[in-house]
Amino acid sequence: MSVESTLASHGITLPEAAAPVANYVPAVISGSLLFISGQLCLDGRFKSH
């Protein structure tokens, strides 16, 4: 049973995600650190979704 069908069987509906209000940077380097956001790790590599 999928998550969607399980939620529906319990009468639960989720709202649509809000549209982004700006352009977001997927990664920022600060010194020797890399900060990532909104990335999915697929096949051992990070890719923007």
PDB file of N, CA and C in Angstrom:
ATOM      1  N   MET A   1       0.853  -1.180   0.000  1.00  0.00           N
ATOM      2  CA  MET A   1       0.000   0.000   0.000  1.00  0.00           C
ATOM      3  C   MET A   1       0.899   1.244   0.000  1.00  0.00           C
ATOM      4  N   SER A   2       0.605   2.190  -0.870  1.00  0.00           N
ATOM      5  CA  SER A   2       1.433   3.398  -0.949  1.00  0.00           C
ATOM      6  C   SER A   2       1.087   4.365   0.189  1.00  0.00           C
ATOM      7  N   VAL A   3       1.985   5.274   0.444  1.00  0.00           N
ATOM      8  CA  VAL A   3       1.756   6.287   1.471  1.00  0.00           C
ATOM      9  C   VAL A   3       0.502   7.082   1.142  1.00  0.00           C
ATOM     10  N   GLU A   4       0.350   7.443  -0.132  1.00  0.00           N
ATOM     11  CA  GLU A   4      -0.805   8.237  -0.547  1.00  0.00           C
ATOM     12  C   GLU A   4      -2.118   7.503  -0.274  1.00  0.00           C
ATOM     13  N   SER A   5      -2.166   6.214  -0.595  1.00  0.00           N
ATOM     14  CA  SER A   5      -3.399   5.458  -0.369  1.00  0.00           C
ATOM     15  C   SER A   5      -3.653   5.245   1.119  1.00  0.00           C
ATOM     16  N   THR A   6      -2.602   5.085   1.912  1.00  0.00           N
ATOM     17  CA  THR A   6      -2.769   4.949   3.362  1.00  0.00           C
ATOM     18  C   THR A   6      -3.348   6.231   3.951  1.00  0.00           C
ATOM     19  N   LEU A   7      -2.799   7.365   3.552  1.00  0.00           N
ATOM     20  CA  LEU A   7      -3.327   8.642   4.034  1.00  0.00           C
ATOM     21  C   LEU A   7      -4.785   8.814   3.622  1.00  0.00           C
ATOM     22  N   ALA A   8      -5.081   8.507   2.362  1.00  0.00           N
ATOM     23  CA  ALA A   8      -6.450   8.651   1.863  1.00  0.00           C
ATOM     24  C   ALA A   8      -7.402   7.731   2.619  1.00  0.00           C
ATOM     25  N   SER A   9      -6.967   6.526   2.968  1.00  0.00           N
ATOM     26  CA  SER A   9      -7.842   5.598   3.688  1.00  0.00           C
ATOM     27  C   SER A   9      -8.159   6.100   5.092  1.00  0.00           C
ATOM     28  N   HIS A  10      -7.314   6.983   5.625  1.00  0.00           N
ATOM     29  CA  HIS A  10      -7.554   7.582   6.943  1.00  0.00           C
ATOM     30  C   HIS A  10      -8.212   8.957   6.828  1.00  0.00           C
ATOM     31  N   GLY A  11      -8.552   9.356   5.610  1.00  0.00           N
ATOM     32  CA  GLY A  11      -9.201  10.647   5.400  1.00  0.00           C
ATOM     33  C   GLY A  11      -8.266  11.829   5.530  1.00  0.00           C
ATOM     34  N   ILE A  12      -6.993  11.595   5.337  1.00  0.00           N
ATOM     35  CA  ILE A  12      -5.998  12.664   5.472  1.00  0.00           C
ATOM     36  C   ILE A  12      -5.600  13.163   4.087  1.00  0.00           C
ATOM     37  N   THR A  13      -5.676  14.471   3.898  1.00  0.00           N
ATOM     38  CA  THR A  13      -5.199  15.079   2.661  1.00  0.00           C
ATOM     39  C   THR A  13      -4.130  16.104   3.016  1.00  0.00           C
ATOM     40  N   LEU A  14      -3.082  16.126   2.224  1.00  0.00           N
ATOM     41  CA  LEU A  14      -1.996  17.072   2.453  1.00  0.00           C
ATOM     42  C   LEU A  14      -2.143  18.261   1.510  1.00  0.00           C
ATOM     43  N   PRO A  15      -1.836  19.471   1.992  1.00  0.00           N
ATOM     44  CA  PRO A  15      -1.911  20.639   1.107  1.00  0.00           C
ATOM     45  C   PRO A  15      -0.785  20.611   0.087  1.00  0.00           C
ATOM     46  N   GLU A  16      -0.992  21.317  -1.009  1.00  0.00           N
ATOM     47  CA  GLU A  16       0.062  21.459  -2.014  1.00  0.00           C
ATOM     48  C   GLU A  16       1.201  22.288  -1.427  1.00  0.00           C
ATOM     49  N   ALA A  17       2.426  21.971  -1.818  1.00  0.00           N
ATOM     50  CA  ALA A  17       3.576  22.749  -1.354  1.00  0.00           C
ATOM     51  C   ALA A  17       3.526  24.148  -1.957  1.00  0.00           C
ATOM     52  N   ALA A  18       3.920  25.117  -1.169  1.00  0.00           N
ATOM     53  CA  ALA A  18       3.933  26.504  -1.641  1.00  0.00           C
ATOM     54  C   ALA A  18       5.035  26.679  -2.690  1.00  0.00           C
ATOM     55  N   ALA A  19       4.790  27.562  -3.625  1.00  0.00           N
ATOM     56  CA  ALA A  19       5.794  27.867  -4.647  1.00  0.00           C
ATOM     57  C   ALA A  19       6.950  28.629  -4.000  1.00  0.00           C
ATOM     58  N   PRO A  20       8.180  28.404  -4.455  1.00  0.00           N
ATOM     59  CA  PRO A  20       9.309  29.155  -3.898  1.00  0.00           C
ATOM     60  C   PRO A  20       9.140  30.651  -4.173  1.00  0.00           C
ATOM     61  N   VAL A  21       9.589  31.459  -3.237  1.00  0.00           N
ATOM     62  CA  VAL A  21       9.443  32.909  -3.376  1.00  0.00           C
ATOM     63  C   VAL A  21      10.724  33.589  -3.847  1.00  0.00           C
ATOM     64  N   ALA A  22      11.792  32.793  -4.055  1.00  0.00           N
ATOM     65  CA  ALA A  22      13.067  33.362  -4.503  1.00  0.00           C
ATOM     66  C   ALA A  22      13.886  32.263  -5.166  1.00  0.00           C
ATOM     67  N   ASN A  23      15.013  32.640  -5.741  1.00  0.00           N
ATOM     68  CA  ASN A  23      15.971  31.668  -6.254  1.00  0.00           C
ATOM     69  C   ASN A  23      16.912  31.307  -5.112  1.00  0.00           C
ATOM     70  N   TYR A  24      17.087  30.030  -4.890  1.00  0.00           N
ATOM     71  CA  TYR A  24      17.903  29.585  -3.775  1.00  0.00           C
ATOM     72  C   TYR A  24      19.212  28.984  -4.274  1.00  0.00           C
ATOM     73  N   VAL A  25      20.272  29.197  -3.522  1.00  0.00           N
ATOM     74  CA  VAL A  25      21.594  28.675  -3.848  1.00  0.00           C
ATOM     75  C   VAL A  25      21.677  27.257  -3.295  1.00  0.00           C
ATOM     76  N   PRO A  26      22.003  26.258  -4.129  1.00  0.00           N
ATOM     77  CA  PRO A  26      22.040  24.879  -3.649  1.00  0.00           C
ATOM     78  C   PRO A  26      23.225  24.557  -2.747  1.00  0.00           C
ATOM     79  N   ALA A  27      24.319  25.322  -2.845  1.00  0.00           N
ATOM     80  CA  ALA A  27      25.500  25.041  -2.024  1.00  0.00           C
ATOM     81  C   ALA A  27      26.321  26.307  -1.829  1.00  0.00           C
ATOM     82  N   VAL A  28      26.969  26.399  -0.648  1.00  0.00           N
ATOM     83  CA  VAL A  28      27.839  27.534  -0.332  1.00  0.00           C
ATOM     84  C   VAL A  28      29.091  26.986   0.339  1.00  0.00           C
ATOM     85  N   ILE A  29      30.259  27.460  -0.093  1.00  0.00           N
ATOM     86  CA  ILE A  29      31.517  27.080   0.544  1.00  0.00           C
ATOM     87  C   ILE A  29      31.932  28.218   1.472  1.00  0.00           C
ATOM     88  N   SER A  30      32.237  27.849   2.721  1.00  0.00           N
ATOM     89  CA  SER A  30      32.730  28.808   3.706  1.00  0.00           C
ATOM     90  C   SER A  30      33.981  28.212   4.326  1.00  0.00           C
ATOM     91  N   GLY A  31      35.127  28.744   3.955  1.00  0.00           N
ATOM     92  CA  GLY A  31      36.388  28.170   4.426  1.00  0.00           C
ATOM     93  C   GLY A  31      36.540  26.763   3.868  1.00  0.00           C
ATOM     94  N   SER A  32      36.701  25.785   4.749  1.00  0.00           N
ATOM     95  CA  SER A  32      36.843  24.391   4.310  1.00  0.00           C
ATOM     96  C   SER A  32      35.545  23.613   4.433  1.00  0.00           C
ATOM     97  N   LEU A  33      34.418  24.319   4.658  1.00  0.00           N
ATOM     98  CA  LEU A  33      33.120  23.669   4.815  1.00  0.00           C
ATOM     99  C   LEU A  33      32.235  23.905   3.595  1.00  0.00           C
ATOM    100  N   LEU A  34      31.486  22.874   3.233  1.00  0.00           N
ATOM    101  CA  LEU A  34      30.502  22.985   2.157  1.00  0.00           C
ATOM    102  C   LEU A  34      29.129  22.799   2.778  1.00  0.00           C
ATOM    103  N   PHE A  35      28.260  23.796   2.656  1.00  0.00           N
ATOM    104  CA  PHE A  35      26.895  23.723   3.156  1.00  0.00           C
ATOM    105  C   PHE A  35      25.978  23.466   1.967  1.00  0.00           C
ATOM    106  N   ILE A  36      25.146  22.420   2.067  1.00  0.00           N
ATOM    107  CA  ILE A  36      24.237  22.093   0.979  1.00  0.00           C
ATOM    108  C   ILE A  36      22.802  22.175   1.476  1.00  0.00           C
ATOM    109  N   SER A  37      21.890  22.457   0.540  1.00  0.00           N
ATOM    110  CA  SER A  37      20.480  22.538   0.881  1.00  0.00           C
ATOM    111  C   SER A  37      19.659  22.165  -0.339  1.00  0.00           C
ATOM    112  N   GLY A  38      18.586  21.409  -0.138  1.00  0.00           N
ATOM    113  CA  GLY A  38      17.696  21.045  -1.226  1.00  0.00           C
ATOM    114  C   GLY A  38      18.315  20.080  -2.212  1.00  0.00           C
ATOM    115  N   GLN A  39      19.198  19.216  -1.734  1.00  0.00           N
ATOM    116  CA  GLN A  39      19.891  18.265  -2.596  1.00  0.00           C
ATOM    117  C   GLN A  39      19.458  16.852  -2.248  1.00  0.00           C
ATOM    118  N   LEU A  40      19.461  15.990  -3.226  1.00  0.00           N
ATOM    119  CA  LEU A  40      19.189  14.574  -3.014  1.00  0.00           C
ATOM    120  C   LEU A  40      20.444  13.791  -3.353  1.00  0.00           C
ATOM    121  N   CYS A  41      20.793  12.831  -2.528  1.00  0.00           N
ATOM    122  CA  CYS A  41      21.951  11.988  -2.793  1.00  0.00           C
ATOM    123  C   CYS A  41      21.483  10.778  -3.586  1.00  0.00           C
ATOM    124  N   LEU A  42      21.872  10.716  -4.847  1.00  0.00           N
ATOM    125  CA  LEU A  42      21.512   9.610  -5.716  1.00  0.00           C
ATOM    126  C   LEU A  42      22.785   9.003  -6.253  1.00  0.00           C
ATOM    127  N   ASP A  43      22.930   7.707  -6.132  1.00  0.00           N
ATOM    128  CA  ASP A  43      24.116   6.998  -6.616  1.00  0.00           C
ATOM    129  C   ASP A  43      25.408   7.535  -6.008  1.00  0.00           C
ATOM    130  N   GLY A  44      25.342   7.992  -4.758  1.00  0.00           N
ATOM    131  CA  GLY A  44      26.542   8.474  -4.089  1.00  0.00           C
ATOM    132  C   GLY A  44      26.966   9.873  -4.480  1.00  0.00           C
ATOM    133  N   ARG A  45      26.184  10.539  -5.339  1.00  0.00           N
ATOM    134  CA  ARG A  45      26.514  11.915  -5.744  1.00  0.00           C
ATOM    135  C   ARG A  45      25.330  12.806  -5.402  1.00  0.00           C
ATOM    136  N   PHE A  46      25.601  14.048  -5.068  1.00  0.00           N
ATOM    137  CA  PHE A  46      24.521  14.982  -4.775  1.00  0.00           C
ATOM    138  C   PHE A  46      24.047  15.631  -6.057  1.00  0.00           C
ATOM    139  N   LYS A  47      22.722  15.663  -6.240  1.00  0.00           N
ATOM    140  CA  LYS A  47      22.120  16.277  -7.414  1.00  0.00           C
ATOM    141  C   LYS A  47      21.004  17.197  -6.966  1.00  0.00           C
ATOM    142  N   SER A  48      20.859  18.303  -7.631  1.00  0.00           N
ATOM    143  CA  SER A  48      19.763  19.221  -7.343  1.00  0.00           C
ATOM    144  C   SER A  48      18.455  18.588  -7.804  1.00  0.00           C
ATOM    145  N   HIS A  49      17.371  18.770  -7.009  1.00  0.00           N
ATOM    146  CA  HIS A  49      16.073  18.203  -7.429  1.00  0.00           C
ATOM    147  C   HIS A  49      15.183  19.222  -8.063  1.00  0.00           C
TER     148      HIS A  49
END
